[in-house]
Amino acid sequence: MPNESFRYSLNAAFLAEIKEHNALFHVGKAKLNEFCSVDFPKEKFQSECGFFLHQLREAFSRQFDMEETYGYVSLRDPNTASLDVDRVTSCRAEHQMLMVFLQELSERFDGLQYQGTLERELEDFIGDLRAFRAKLMQHETTEQKLIQDFNAGSEETT
């Protein structure tokens, strides 16, 4: 559980809608899958990944900002939440971890390009990009499960 002074509950309807309707976020995830593919050409990776990572940072930053603003609700009294507050708060905190990971990847890629060592370090970098993708997919699965759990809990109380 992250050490935060605020605790959060979920606004599942808004979170689900935000997740469904942000085309840039979905395009970014699809392109991330392409870049992580074993079949993606190494030359294309080297020439396009830097710009892609910058675009991805912008798209994910907007997405996470929207989710945190409208999909997560700050609680004054965590006892009033209808869903496990610790799970929700922890999931929300993952946004920051993902953004830091993505920022570090982007800066590392730029540094490797600048130093002329990208070709030598490429396989390690791709492995780290795949690790980022795995963490992102795990986070997305967790958020979807939270939405489902919240909706199931809401149906039980009606």
Protein backbone atom coordinates (compact mmCIF):
# COMPACT_ATOMS: atom_id res chain seq x y z
CA MET A 1 0.00 0.00 0.00
CA PRO A 2 1.52 3.33 -1.02
CA ASN A 3 2.11 5.84 1.72
CA GLU A 4 -0.37 8.54 0.68
CA SER A 5 -2.30 11.01 2.74
CA PHE A 6 -5.33 10.65 0.49
CA ARG A 7 -7.40 7.53 -0.03
CA TYR A 8 -9.55 6.91 -3.07
CA SER A 9 -12.69 5.24 -4.23
CA LEU A 10 -13.81 4.66 -7.77
CA ASN A 11 -16.18 6.46 -10.07
CA ALA A 12 -16.50 3.35 -12.22
CA ALA A 13 -18.79 4.82 -14.88
CA PHE A 14 -16.44 7.71 -15.64
CA LEU A 15 -13.33 5.55 -15.47
CA ALA A 16 -14.82 3.02 -17.90
CA GLU A 17 -15.89 5.78 -20.28
CA ILE A 18 -12.48 7.46 -20.18
CA LYS A 19 -10.80 4.13 -20.89
CA GLU A 20 -13.11 3.36 -23.81
CA HIS A 21 -13.06 6.69 -25.61
CA ASN A 22 -9.47 7.92 -25.68
CA ALA A 23 -8.33 6.99 -29.18
CA LEU A 24 -4.77 8.31 -28.64
CA PHE A 25 -4.34 6.03 -25.64
CA HIS A 26 -5.53 2.99 -27.60
CA VAL A 27 -3.37 3.86 -30.61
CA GLY A 28 -0.41 4.30 -28.26
CA LYS A 29 -0.96 0.88 -26.70
CA ALA A 30 -1.29 -0.72 -30.14
CA LYS A 31 1.92 0.91 -31.35
CA LEU A 32 3.66 -0.14 -28.13
CA ASN A 33 2.69 -3.73 -28.96
CA GLU A 34 4.16 -3.28 -32.45
CA PHE A 35 7.44 -1.89 -31.11
CA CYS A 36 7.66 -4.80 -28.64
CA SER A 37 6.98 -7.42 -31.30
CA VAL A 38 9.85 -9.78 -32.11
CA ASP A 39 9.08 -9.14 -35.79
CA PHE A 40 9.44 -5.34 -35.58
CA PRO A 41 12.39 -4.31 -37.79
CA LYS A 42 15.41 -3.20 -35.72
CA GLU A 43 16.27 -0.38 -38.13
CA LYS A 44 12.76 1.03 -37.89
CA PHE A 45 12.87 0.66 -34.11
CA GLN A 46 16.09 2.66 -33.92
CA SER A 47 14.82 5.43 -36.19
CA GLU A 48 11.27 5.80 -34.82
CA CYS A 49 11.26 4.75 -31.17
CA GLY A 50 12.51 8.05 -29.73
CA PHE A 51 9.70 10.07 -31.30
CA PHE A 52 7.20 7.33 -30.43
CA LEU A 53 8.20 7.35 -26.75
CA HIS A 54 7.72 11.12 -26.60
CA GLN A 55 4.25 10.75 -28.14
CA LEU A 56 3.45 7.89 -25.76
CA ARG A 57 4.42 9.99 -22.75
CA GLU A 58 2.03 12.73 -23.86
CA ALA A 59 -0.84 10.32 -24.56
CA PHE A 60 -0.41 8.40 -21.30
CA SER A 61 0.00 11.56 -19.26
CA ARG A 62 -3.32 12.88 -20.58
CA GLN A 63 -5.01 9.53 -20.05
CA PHE A 64 -3.82 9.12 -16.49
CA ASP A 65 -4.68 12.74 -15.67
CA MET A 66 -8.23 12.19 -16.93
CA GLU A 67 -8.55 8.92 -15.02
CA GLU A 68 -7.26 10.44 -11.79
CA THR A 69 -9.46 13.52 -12.12
CA TYR A 70 -12.74 11.82 -13.02
CA GLY A 71 -12.32 8.10 -12.34
CA TYR A 72 -10.90 8.20 -8.83
CA VAL A 73 -12.70 10.01 -6.02
CA SER A 74 -10.82 11.36 -3.00
CA LEU A 75 -12.38 10.20 0.25
CA ARG A 76 -12.65 12.12 3.47
CA ASP A 77 -13.84 9.00 5.25
CA PRO A 78 -12.54 5.74 3.73
CA ASN A 79 -15.22 3.82 5.64
CA THR A 80 -17.87 5.22 3.27
CA ALA A 81 -16.40 3.48 0.20
CA SER A 82 -18.20 0.54 -1.34
CA LEU A 83 -14.97 -0.98 -2.72
CA ASP A 84 -11.64 -1.90 -1.14
CA VAL A 85 -10.06 1.53 -0.69
CA ASP A 86 -6.53 0.15 -0.45
CA ARG A 87 -6.85 -1.63 -3.82
CA VAL A 88 -8.21 1.50 -5.47
CA THR A 89 -5.59 3.79 -3.93
CA SER A 90 -2.79 1.40 -4.90
CA CYS A 91 -4.05 1.12 -8.47
CA ARG A 92 -4.25 4.90 -8.81
CA ALA A 93 -0.67 5.22 -7.51
CA GLU A 94 0.53 2.92 -10.30
CA HIS A 95 0.00 5.77 -12.77
CA GLN A 96 2.94 7.64 -11.29
CA MET A 97 5.15 4.54 -11.34
CA LEU A 98 4.25 3.89 -14.99
CA MET A 99 4.95 7.49 -15.98
CA VAL A 100 8.33 7.45 -14.24
CA PHE A 101 9.21 4.16 -15.97
CA LEU A 102 8.18 5.60 -19.35
CA GLN A 103 10.09 8.85 -18.74
CA GLU A 104 13.22 6.88 -17.84
CA LEU A 105 12.88 4.76 -20.98
CA SER A 106 12.48 7.84 -23.15
CA GLU A 107 15.49 9.58 -21.61
CA ARG A 108 17.56 6.42 -21.82
CA PHE A 109 16.72 5.96 -25.50
CA ASP A 110 17.69 9.57 -26.24
CA GLY A 111 20.95 9.09 -24.31
CA LEU A 112 21.82 5.88 -26.14
CA GLN A 113 21.17 7.59 -29.46
CA TYR A 114 23.25 10.61 -28.50
CA GLN A 115 26.14 8.45 -27.25
CA GLY A 116 26.03 6.26 -30.35
CA THR A 117 25.55 3.10 -28.28
CA LEU A 118 21.93 2.34 -29.22
CA GLU A 119 22.75 -0.49 -31.60
CA ARG A 120 24.91 -2.24 -28.99
CA GLU A 121 22.29 -1.76 -26.21
CA LEU A 122 19.23 -2.34 -28.37
CA GLU A 123 18.26 -5.81 -27.12
CA ASP A 124 18.47 -4.73 -23.47
CA PHE A 125 16.42 -1.62 -24.24
CA ILE A 126 13.75 -3.63 -26.05
CA GLY A 127 13.61 -5.98 -23.05
CA ASP A 128 12.98 -3.01 -20.76
CA LEU A 129 10.32 -1.65 -23.11
CA ARG A 130 8.63 -5.05 -23.00
CA ALA A 131 8.81 -4.97 -19.19
CA PHE A 132 7.07 -1.58 -19.27
CA ARG A 133 4.39 -2.98 -21.55
CA ALA A 134 3.85 -5.91 -19.16
CA LYS A 135 3.44 -3.53 -16.19
CA LEU A 136 1.03 -1.38 -18.20
CA MET A 137 -1.06 -4.39 -19.22
CA GLN A 138 -1.11 -5.62 -15.63
CA HIS A 139 -2.28 -2.18 -14.49
CA GLU A 140 -4.99 -2.04 -17.16
CA THR A 141 -6.22 -5.49 -16.11
CA THR A 142 -6.31 -4.37 -12.47
CA GLU A 143 -8.35 -1.27 -13.35
CA GLN A 144 -10.80 -3.31 -15.41
CA LYS A 145 -11.21 -5.71 -12.50
CA LEU A 146 -11.85 -2.78 -10.15
CA ILE A 147 -14.53 -1.46 -12.50
CA GLN A 148 -16.15 -4.92 -12.70
CA ASP A 149 -16.01 -5.37 -8.93
CA PHE A 150 -17.49 -1.93 -8.34
CA ASN A 151 -20.29 -2.58 -10.82
CA ALA A 152 -20.98 -5.99 -9.29
CA GLY A 153 -21.13 -4.39 -5.84
CA SER A 154 -23.48 -1.70 -7.13
CA GLU A 155 -25.81 -4.32 -8.61
CA GLU A 156 -25.95 -6.19 -5.29
CA THR A 157 -27.09 -3.08 -3.43
CA THR A 158 -29.92 -2.27 -5.87
